[in-house]
Amino acid sequence: GMIQIIVAKLFPQQISVRMLMIQVALFSLGLSA
């Protein structure tokens, strides 16, 4: 459950689908760099 805990710290408990897409995209972009 460590990945879920990290996500809980970075992302709010409830989020709009549009904002989730942008945040996940930027997270993946930064991590892969």
PDB file of all heavy atoms in Angstrom:
ATOM      1  N   GLY A   1       0.786  -1.233   0.000  1.00  0.00           N
ATOM      2  CA  GLY A   1       0.000   0.000   0.000  1.00  0.00           C
ATOM      3  C   GLY A   1       0.813   1.276   0.000  1.00  0.00           C
ATOM      4  O   GLY A   1       0.262   2.364   0.175  1.00  0.00           O
ATOM      5  N   MET A   2       2.126   1.171  -0.236  1.00  0.00           N
ATOM      6  CA  MET A   2       2.982   2.357  -0.181  1.00  0.00           C
ATOM      7  C   MET A   2       2.706   3.316  -1.340  1.00  0.00           C
ATOM      8  O   MET A   2       2.746   4.538  -1.168  1.00  0.00           O
ATOM      9  CB  MET A   2       4.460   1.940  -0.180  1.00  0.00           C
ATOM     10  CG  MET A   2       4.888   1.181   1.061  1.00  0.00           C
ATOM     11  SD  MET A   2       4.648   2.135   2.587  1.00  0.00           S
ATOM     12  CE  MET A   2       5.867   3.422   2.374  1.00  0.00           C
ATOM     13  N   ILE A   3       2.428   2.750  -2.524  1.00  0.00           N
ATOM     14  CA  ILE A   3       2.132   3.607  -3.678  1.00  0.00           C
ATOM     15  C   ILE A   3       0.854   4.392  -3.425  1.00  0.00           C
ATOM     16  O   ILE A   3       0.763   5.596  -3.707  1.00  0.00           O
ATOM     17  CB  ILE A   3       2.020   2.768  -4.961  1.00  0.00           C
ATOM     18  CG1 ILE A   3       3.400   2.207  -5.343  1.00  0.00           C
ATOM     19  CG2 ILE A   3       1.448   3.594  -6.113  1.00  0.00           C
ATOM     20  CD1 ILE A   3       3.401   1.324  -6.567  1.00  0.00           C
ATOM     21  N   GLN A   4      -0.144   3.712  -2.871  1.00  0.00           N
ATOM     22  CA  GLN A   4      -1.410   4.377  -2.566  1.00  0.00           C
ATOM     23  C   GLN A   4      -1.221   5.485  -1.539  1.00  0.00           C
ATOM     24  O   GLN A   4      -1.855   6.541  -1.619  1.00  0.00           O
ATOM     25  CB  GLN A   4      -2.431   3.345  -2.046  1.00  0.00           C
ATOM     26  CG  GLN A   4      -2.920   2.362  -3.093  1.00  0.00           C
ATOM     27  CD  GLN A   4      -1.979   1.195  -3.310  1.00  0.00           C
ATOM     28  OE1 GLN A   4      -0.862   1.183  -2.795  1.00  0.00           O
ATOM     29  NE2 GLN A   4      -2.408   0.226  -4.086  1.00  0.00           N
ATOM     30  N   ILE A   5      -0.333   5.266  -0.568  1.00  0.00           N
ATOM     31  CA  ILE A   5      -0.070   6.279   0.461  1.00  0.00           C
ATOM     32  C   ILE A   5       0.598   7.504  -0.164  1.00  0.00           C
ATOM     33  O   ILE A   5       0.251   8.646   0.146  1.00  0.00           O
ATOM     34  CB  ILE A   5       0.815   5.688   1.581  1.00  0.00           C
ATOM     35  CG1 ILE A   5       0.007   4.650   2.370  1.00  0.00           C
ATOM     36  CG2 ILE A   5       1.324   6.778   2.505  1.00  0.00           C
ATOM     37  CD1 ILE A   5       0.836   3.838   3.346  1.00  0.00           C
ATOM     38  N   ILE A   6       1.555   7.262  -1.083  1.00  0.00           N
ATOM     39  CA  ILE A   6       2.232   8.373  -1.772  1.00  0.00           C
ATOM     40  C   ILE A   6       1.231   9.185  -2.577  1.00  0.00           C
ATOM     41  O   ILE A   6       1.241  10.420  -2.566  1.00  0.00           O
ATOM     42  CB  ILE A   6       3.354   7.828  -2.672  1.00  0.00           C
ATOM     43  CG1 ILE A   6       4.461   7.217  -1.813  1.00  0.00           C
ATOM     44  CG2 ILE A   6       3.926   8.945  -3.557  1.00  0.00           C
ATOM     45  CD1 ILE A   6       5.506   6.461  -2.602  1.00  0.00           C
ATOM     46  N   VAL A   7       0.331   8.470  -3.284  1.00  0.00           N
ATOM     47  CA  VAL A   7      -0.695   9.152  -4.087  1.00  0.00           C
ATOM     48  C   VAL A   7      -1.608   9.987  -3.194  1.00  0.00           C
ATOM     49  O   VAL A   7      -1.988  11.108  -3.538  1.00  0.00           O
ATOM     50  CB  VAL A   7      -1.517   8.130  -4.901  1.00  0.00           C
ATOM     51  CG1 VAL A   7      -2.697   8.802  -5.574  1.00  0.00           C
ATOM     52  CG2 VAL A   7      -0.634   7.466  -5.943  1.00  0.00           C
ATOM     53  N   ALA A   8      -1.955   9.420  -2.036  1.00  0.00           N
ATOM     54  CA  ALA A   8      -2.827  10.143  -1.106  1.00  0.00           C
ATOM     55  C   ALA A   8      -2.178  11.444  -0.640  1.00  0.00           C
ATOM     56  O   ALA A   8      -2.877  12.435  -0.382  1.00  0.00           O
ATOM     57  CB  ALA A   8      -3.152   9.251   0.091  1.00  0.00           C
ATOM     58  N   LYS A   9      -0.838  11.445  -0.553  1.00  0.00           N
ATOM     59  CA  LYS A   9      -0.127  12.654  -0.145  1.00  0.00           C
ATOM     60  C   LYS A   9      -0.081  13.687  -1.274  1.00  0.00           C
ATOM     61  O   LYS A   9      -0.127  14.894  -1.027  1.00  0.00           O
ATOM     62  CB  LYS A   9       1.305  12.306   0.277  1.00  0.00           C
ATOM     63  CG  LYS A   9       1.415  11.338   1.456  1.00  0.00           C
ATOM     64  CD  LYS A   9       0.936  11.978   2.751  1.00  0.00           C
ATOM     65  CE  LYS A   9       1.177  11.035   3.932  1.00  0.00           C
ATOM     66  NZ  LYS A   9       0.659  11.602   5.194  1.00  0.00           N
ATOM     67  N   LEU A  10       0.023  13.189  -2.529  1.00  0.00           N
ATOM     68  CA  LEU A  10       0.183  14.093  -3.669  1.00  0.00           C
ATOM     69  C   LEU A  10      -1.145  14.569  -4.247  1.00  0.00           C
ATOM     70  O   LEU A  10      -1.253  15.695  -4.730  1.00  0.00           O
ATOM     71  CB  LEU A  10       0.994  13.399  -4.772  1.00  0.00           C
ATOM     72  CG  LEU A  10       2.452  13.065  -4.449  1.00  0.00           C
ATOM     73  CD1 LEU A  10       3.087  12.289  -5.589  1.00  0.00           C
ATOM     74  CD2 LEU A  10       3.246  14.337  -4.185  1.00  0.00           C
ATOM     75  N   PHE A  11      -2.153  13.685  -4.212  1.00  0.00           N
ATOM     76  CA  PHE A  11      -3.437  14.002  -4.840  1.00  0.00           C
ATOM     77  C   PHE A  11      -4.526  14.116  -3.771  1.00  0.00           C
ATOM     78  O   PHE A  11      -4.509  13.372  -2.790  1.00  0.00           O
ATOM     79  CB  PHE A  11      -3.829  12.905  -5.848  1.00  0.00           C
ATOM     80  CG  PHE A  11      -2.920  12.819  -7.037  1.00  0.00           C
ATOM     81  CD1 PHE A  11      -1.722  12.126  -6.968  1.00  0.00           C
ATOM     82  CD2 PHE A  11      -3.255  13.434  -8.243  1.00  0.00           C
ATOM     83  CE1 PHE A  11      -0.873  12.039  -8.067  1.00  0.00           C
ATOM     84  CE2 PHE A  11      -2.426  13.347  -9.333  1.00  0.00           C
ATOM     85  CZ  PHE A  11      -1.244  12.658  -9.247  1.00  0.00           C
ATOM     86  N   PRO A  12      -5.469  15.016  -3.976  1.00  0.00           N
ATOM     87  CA  PRO A  12      -6.566  15.144  -3.009  1.00  0.00           C
ATOM     88  C   PRO A  12      -7.478  13.920  -3.033  1.00  0.00           C
ATOM     89  O   PRO A  12      -7.487  13.157  -4.006  1.00  0.00           O
ATOM     90  CB  PRO A  12      -7.317  16.393  -3.499  1.00  0.00           C
ATOM     91  CG  PRO A  12      -6.944  16.547  -4.931  1.00  0.00           C
ATOM     92  CD  PRO A  12      -5.560  16.007  -5.060  1.00  0.00           C
ATOM     93  N   GLN A  13      -8.253  13.745  -1.968  1.00  0.00           N
ATOM     94  CA  GLN A  13      -9.150  12.599  -1.853  1.00  0.00           C
ATOM     95  C   GLN A  13     -10.202  12.610  -2.953  1.00  0.00           C
ATOM     96  O   GLN A  13     -10.584  11.566  -3.469  1.00  0.00           O
ATOM     97  CB  GLN A  13      -9.834  12.613  -0.482  1.00  0.00           C
ATOM     98  CG  GLN A  13     -10.679  11.390  -0.167  1.00  0.00           C
ATOM     99  CD  GLN A  13      -9.833  10.168   0.154  1.00  0.00           C
ATOM    100  OE1 GLN A  13      -8.661  10.303   0.491  1.00  0.00           O
ATOM    101  NE2 GLN A  13     -10.415   8.988   0.037  1.00  0.00           N
ATOM    102  N   GLN A  14     -10.665  13.797  -3.298  1.00  0.00           N
ATOM    103  CA  GLN A  14     -11.652  13.932  -4.372  1.00  0.00           C
ATOM    104  C   GLN A  14     -11.151  14.991  -5.350  1.00  0.00           C
ATOM    105  O   GLN A  14     -10.728  16.074  -4.950  1.00  0.00           O
ATOM    106  CB  GLN A  14     -13.014  14.329  -3.803  1.00  0.00           C
ATOM    107  CG  GLN A  14     -14.155  14.184  -4.813  1.00  0.00           C
ATOM    108  CD  GLN A  14     -15.512  14.382  -4.148  1.00  0.00           C
ATOM    109  OE1 GLN A  14     -15.698  15.330  -3.395  1.00  0.00           O
ATOM    110  NE2 GLN A  14     -16.452  13.488  -4.407  1.00  0.00           N
ATOM    111  N   ILE A  15     -11.210  14.662  -6.632  1.00  0.00           N
ATOM    112  CA  ILE A  15     -10.643  15.551  -7.649  1.00  0.00           C
ATOM    113  C   ILE A  15     -11.453  15.429  -8.931  1.00  0.00           C
ATOM    114  O   ILE A  15     -12.000  14.361  -9.224  1.00  0.00           O
ATOM    115  CB  ILE A  15      -9.153  15.204  -7.894  1.00  0.00           C
ATOM    116  CG1 ILE A  15      -8.505  16.194  -8.852  1.00  0.00           C
ATOM    117  CG2 ILE A  15      -9.015  13.794  -8.431  1.00  0.00           C
ATOM    118  CD1 ILE A  15      -7.000  15.996  -8.990  1.00  0.00           C
ATOM    119  N   SER A  16     -11.551  16.519  -9.683  1.00  0.00           N
ATOM    120  CA  SER A  16     -12.271  16.465 -10.961  1.00  0.00           C
ATOM    121  C   SER A  16     -11.468  15.622 -11.948  1.00  0.00           C
ATOM    122  O   SER A  16     -10.236  15.560 -11.876  1.00  0.00           O
ATOM    123  CB  SER A  16     -12.469  17.870 -11.521  1.00  0.00           C
ATOM    124  OG  SER A  16     -11.244  18.428 -11.934  1.00  0.00           O
ATOM    125  N   VAL A  17     -12.183  14.990 -12.865  1.00  0.00           N
ATOM    126  CA  VAL A  17     -11.525  14.134 -13.850  1.00  0.00           C
ATOM    127  C   VAL A  17     -10.525  14.933 -14.682  1.00  0.00           C
ATOM    128  O   VAL A  17      -9.413  14.475 -14.966  1.00  0.00           O
ATOM    129  CB  VAL A  17     -12.567  13.468 -14.767  1.00  0.00           C
ATOM    130  CG1 VAL A  17     -11.886  12.684 -15.881  1.00  0.00           C
ATOM    131  CG2 VAL A  17     -13.474  12.545 -13.958  1.00  0.00           C
ATOM    132  N   ARG A  18     -10.906  16.146 -15.067  1.00  0.00           N
ATOM    133  CA  ARG A  18     -10.021  16.977 -15.891  1.00  0.00           C
ATOM    134  C   ARG A  18      -8.728  17.315 -15.157  1.00  0.00           C
ATOM    135  O   ARG A  18      -7.634  17.224 -15.725  1.00  0.00           O
ATOM    136  CB  ARG A  18     -10.755  18.259 -16.295  1.00  0.00           C
ATOM    137  CG  ARG A  18     -11.902  18.000 -17.272  1.00  0.00           C
ATOM    138  CD  ARG A  18     -12.603  19.287 -17.657  1.00  0.00           C
ATOM    139  NE  ARG A  18     -13.644  19.016 -18.648  1.00  0.00           N
ATOM    140  CZ  ARG A  18     -14.445  19.948 -19.148  1.00  0.00           C
ATOM    141  NH1 ARG A  18     -14.330  21.209 -18.738  1.00  0.00           N
ATOM    142  NH2 ARG A  18     -15.353  19.628 -20.049  1.00  0.00           N
ATOM    143  N   MET A  19      -8.845  17.710 -13.909  1.00  0.00           N
ATOM    144  CA  MET A  19      -7.649  18.053 -13.141  1.00  0.00           C
ATOM    145  C   MET A  19      -6.793  16.813 -12.872  1.00  0.00           C
ATOM    146  O   MET A  19      -5.561  16.882 -12.877  1.00  0.00           O
ATOM    147  CB  MET A  19      -8.055  18.711 -11.815  1.00  0.00           C
ATOM    148  CG  MET A  19      -6.873  19.254 -11.011  1.00  0.00           C
ATOM    149  SD  MET A  19      -5.838  20.402 -11.947  1.00  0.00           S
ATOM    150  CE  MET A  19      -7.000  21.772 -12.170  1.00  0.00           C
ATOM    151  N   LEU A  20      -7.458  15.671 -12.664  1.00  0.00           N
ATOM    152  CA  LEU A  20      -6.724  14.423 -12.445  1.00  0.00           C
ATOM    153  C   LEU A  20      -5.867  14.085 -13.658  1.00  0.00           C
ATOM    154  O   LEU A  20      -4.702  13.696 -13.520  1.00  0.00           O
ATOM    155  CB  LEU A  20      -7.698  13.280 -12.148  1.00  0.00           C
ATOM    156  CG  LEU A  20      -7.057  11.902 -11.953  1.00  0.00           C
ATOM    157  CD1 LEU A  20      -6.179  11.896 -10.703  1.00  0.00           C
ATOM    158  CD2 LEU A  20      -8.130  10.809 -11.865  1.00  0.00           C
ATOM    159  N   MET A  21      -6.432  14.254 -14.853  1.00  0.00           N
ATOM    160  CA  MET A  21      -5.688  13.946 -16.079  1.00  0.00           C
ATOM    161  C   MET A  21      -4.439  14.813 -16.202  1.00  0.00           C
ATOM    162  O   MET A  21      -3.348  14.321 -16.519  1.00  0.00           O
ATOM    163  CB  MET A  21      -6.584  14.139 -17.302  1.00  0.00           C
ATOM    164  CG  MET A  21      -7.565  13.007 -17.518  1.00  0.00           C
ATOM    165  SD  MET A  21      -8.397  13.130 -19.107  1.00  0.00           S
ATOM    166  CE  MET A  21      -9.276  11.570 -19.128  1.00  0.00           C
ATOM    167  N   ILE A  22      -4.585  16.093 -15.944  1.00  0.00           N
ATOM    168  CA  ILE A  22      -3.448  17.009 -16.066  1.00  0.00           C
ATOM    169  C   ILE A  22      -2.387  16.685 -15.015  1.00  0.00           C
ATOM    170  O   ILE A  22      -1.186  16.655 -15.318  1.00  0.00           O
ATOM    171  CB  ILE A  22      -3.919  18.475 -15.941  1.00  0.00           C
ATOM    172  CG1 ILE A  22      -4.793  18.845 -17.150  1.00  0.00           C
ATOM    173  CG2 ILE A  22      -2.731  19.417 -15.835  1.00  0.00           C
ATOM    174  CD1 ILE A  22      -5.419  20.218 -17.073  1.00  0.00           C
ATOM    175  N   GLN A  23      -2.823  16.411 -13.787  1.00  0.00           N
ATOM    176  CA  GLN A  23      -1.860  16.124 -12.716  1.00  0.00           C
ATOM    177  C   GLN A  23      -1.131  14.805 -12.957  1.00  0.00           C
ATOM    178  O   GLN A  23       0.085  14.717 -12.757  1.00  0.00           O
ATOM    179  CB  GLN A  23      -2.574  16.096 -11.366  1.00  0.00           C
ATOM    180  CG  GLN A  23      -2.981  17.479 -10.864  1.00  0.00           C
ATOM    181  CD  GLN A  23      -3.401  17.459  -9.396  1.00  0.00           C
ATOM    182  OE1 GLN A  23      -3.141  16.507  -8.681  1.00  0.00           O
ATOM    183  NE2 GLN A  23      -4.047  18.527  -8.954  1.00  0.00           N
ATOM    184  N   VAL A  24      -1.862  13.775 -13.393  1.00  0.00           N
ATOM    185  CA  VAL A  24      -1.231  12.485 -13.679  1.00  0.00           C
ATOM    186  C   VAL A  24      -0.253  12.630 -14.841  1.00  0.00           C
ATOM    187  O   VAL A  24       0.850  12.056 -14.825  1.00  0.00           O
ATOM    188  CB  VAL A  24      -2.296  11.413 -13.989  1.00  0.00           C
ATOM    189  CG1 VAL A  24      -1.653  10.156 -14.564  1.00  0.00           C
ATOM    190  CG2 VAL A  24      -3.074  11.050 -12.728  1.00  0.00           C
ATOM    191  N   ALA A  25      -0.638  13.398 -15.870  1.00  0.00           N
ATOM    192  CA  ALA A  25       0.231  13.607 -17.023  1.00  0.00           C
ATOM    193  C   ALA A  25       1.536  14.284 -16.611  1.00  0.00           C
ATOM    194  O   ALA A  25       2.629  13.855 -17.010  1.00  0.00           O
ATOM    195  CB  ALA A  25      -0.491  14.448 -18.078  1.00  0.00           C
ATOM    196  N   LEU A  26       1.435  15.329 -15.800  1.00  0.00           N
ATOM    197  CA  LEU A  26       2.634  16.050 -15.355  1.00  0.00           C
ATOM    198  C   LEU A  26       3.482  15.190 -14.409  1.00  0.00           C
ATOM    199  O   LEU A  26       4.718  15.249 -14.439  1.00  0.00           O
ATOM    200  CB  LEU A  26       2.234  17.359 -14.669  1.00  0.00           C
ATOM    201  CG  LEU A  26       1.611  18.423 -15.592  1.00  0.00           C
ATOM    202  CD1 LEU A  26       1.162  19.633 -14.792  1.00  0.00           C
ATOM    203  CD2 LEU A  26       2.599  18.848 -16.672  1.00  0.00           C
ATOM    204  N   PHE A  27       2.812  14.391 -13.568  1.00  0.00           N
ATOM    205  CA  PHE A  27       3.530  13.486 -12.673  1.00  0.00           C
ATOM    206  C   PHE A  27       4.342  12.470 -13.485  1.00  0.00           C
ATOM    207  O   PHE A  27       5.532  12.251 -13.216  1.00  0.00           O
ATOM    208  CB  PHE A  27       2.534  12.754 -11.765  1.00  0.00           C
ATOM    209  CG  PHE A  27       3.160  11.703 -10.886  1.00  0.00           C
ATOM    210  CD1 PHE A  27       3.758  12.048  -9.684  1.00  0.00           C
ATOM    211  CD2 PHE A  27       3.147  10.369 -11.258  1.00  0.00           C
ATOM    212  CE1 PHE A  27       4.337  11.074  -8.870  1.00  0.00           C
ATOM    213  CE2 PHE A  27       3.722   9.396 -10.464  1.00  0.00           C
ATOM    214  CZ  PHE A  27       4.318   9.748  -9.263  1.00  0.00           C
ATOM    215  N   SER A  28       3.712  11.870 -14.493  1.00  0.00           N
ATOM    216  CA  SER A  28       4.395  10.881 -15.338  1.00  0.00           C
ATOM    217  C   SER A  28       5.524  11.525 -16.124  1.00  0.00           C
ATOM    218  O   SER A  28       6.604  10.937 -16.281  1.00  0.00           O
ATOM    219  CB  SER A  28       3.390  10.231 -16.301  1.00  0.00           C
ATOM    220  OG  SER A  28       2.328   9.626 -15.606  1.00  0.00           O
ATOM    221  N   LEU A  29       5.280  12.738 -16.619  1.00  0.00           N
ATOM    222  CA  LEU A  29       6.290  13.472 -17.384  1.00  0.00           C
ATOM    223  C   LEU A  29       7.534  13.729 -16.538  1.00  0.00           C
ATOM    224  O   LEU A  29       8.665  13.473 -16.960  1.00  0.00           O
ATOM    225  CB  LEU A  29       5.706  14.797 -17.873  1.00  0.00           C
ATOM    226  CG  LEU A  29       6.624  15.707 -18.696  1.00  0.00           C
ATOM    227  CD1 LEU A  29       6.733  15.200 -20.123  1.00  0.00           C
ATOM    228  CD2 LEU A  29       6.095  17.138 -18.699  1.00  0.00           C
ATOM    229  N   GLY A  30       7.317  14.227 -15.317  1.00  0.00           N
ATOM    230  CA  GLY A  30       8.441  14.531 -14.442  1.00  0.00           C
ATOM    231  C   GLY A  30       9.180  13.295 -13.963  1.00  0.00           C
ATOM    232  O   GLY A  30      10.415  13.266 -13.927  1.00  0.00           O
ATOM    233  N   LEU A  31       8.418  12.241 -13.631  1.00  0.00           N
ATOM    234  CA  LEU A  31       9.035  11.014 -13.129  1.00  0.00           C
ATOM    235  C   LEU A  31       9.898  10.351 -14.191  1.00  0.00           C
ATOM    236  O   LEU A  31      11.006   9.873 -13.905  1.00  0.00           O
ATOM    237  CB  LEU A  31       7.948  10.045 -12.651  1.00  0.00           C
ATOM    238  CG  LEU A  31       8.419   8.755 -11.979  1.00  0.00           C
ATOM    239  CD1 LEU A  31       9.184   9.061 -10.699  1.00  0.00           C
ATOM    240  CD2 LEU A  31       7.244   7.836 -11.687  1.00  0.00           C
ATOM    241  N   SER A  32       9.413  10.331 -15.443  1.00  0.00           N
ATOM    242  CA  SER A  32      10.154   9.662 -16.517  1.00  0.00           C
ATOM    243  C   SER A  32      11.409  10.418 -16.914  1.00  0.00           C
ATOM    244  O   SER A  32      12.295   9.857 -17.565  1.00  0.00           O
ATOM    245  CB  SER A  32       9.261   9.475 -17.743  1.00  0.00           C
ATOM    246  OG  SER A  32       8.891  10.723 -18.291  1.00  0.00           O
ATOM    247  N   ALA A  33      11.505  11.693 -16.534  1.00  0.00           N
ATOM    248  CA  ALA A  33      12.712  12.465 -16.845  1.00  0.00           C
ATOM    249  C   ALA A  33      13.865  12.084 -15.934  1.00  0.00           C
ATOM    250  O   ALA A  33      15.029  12.207 -16.311  1.00  0.00           O
ATOM    251  CB  ALA A  33      12.431  13.965 -16.728  1.00  0.00           C
TER     252      ALA A  33
END
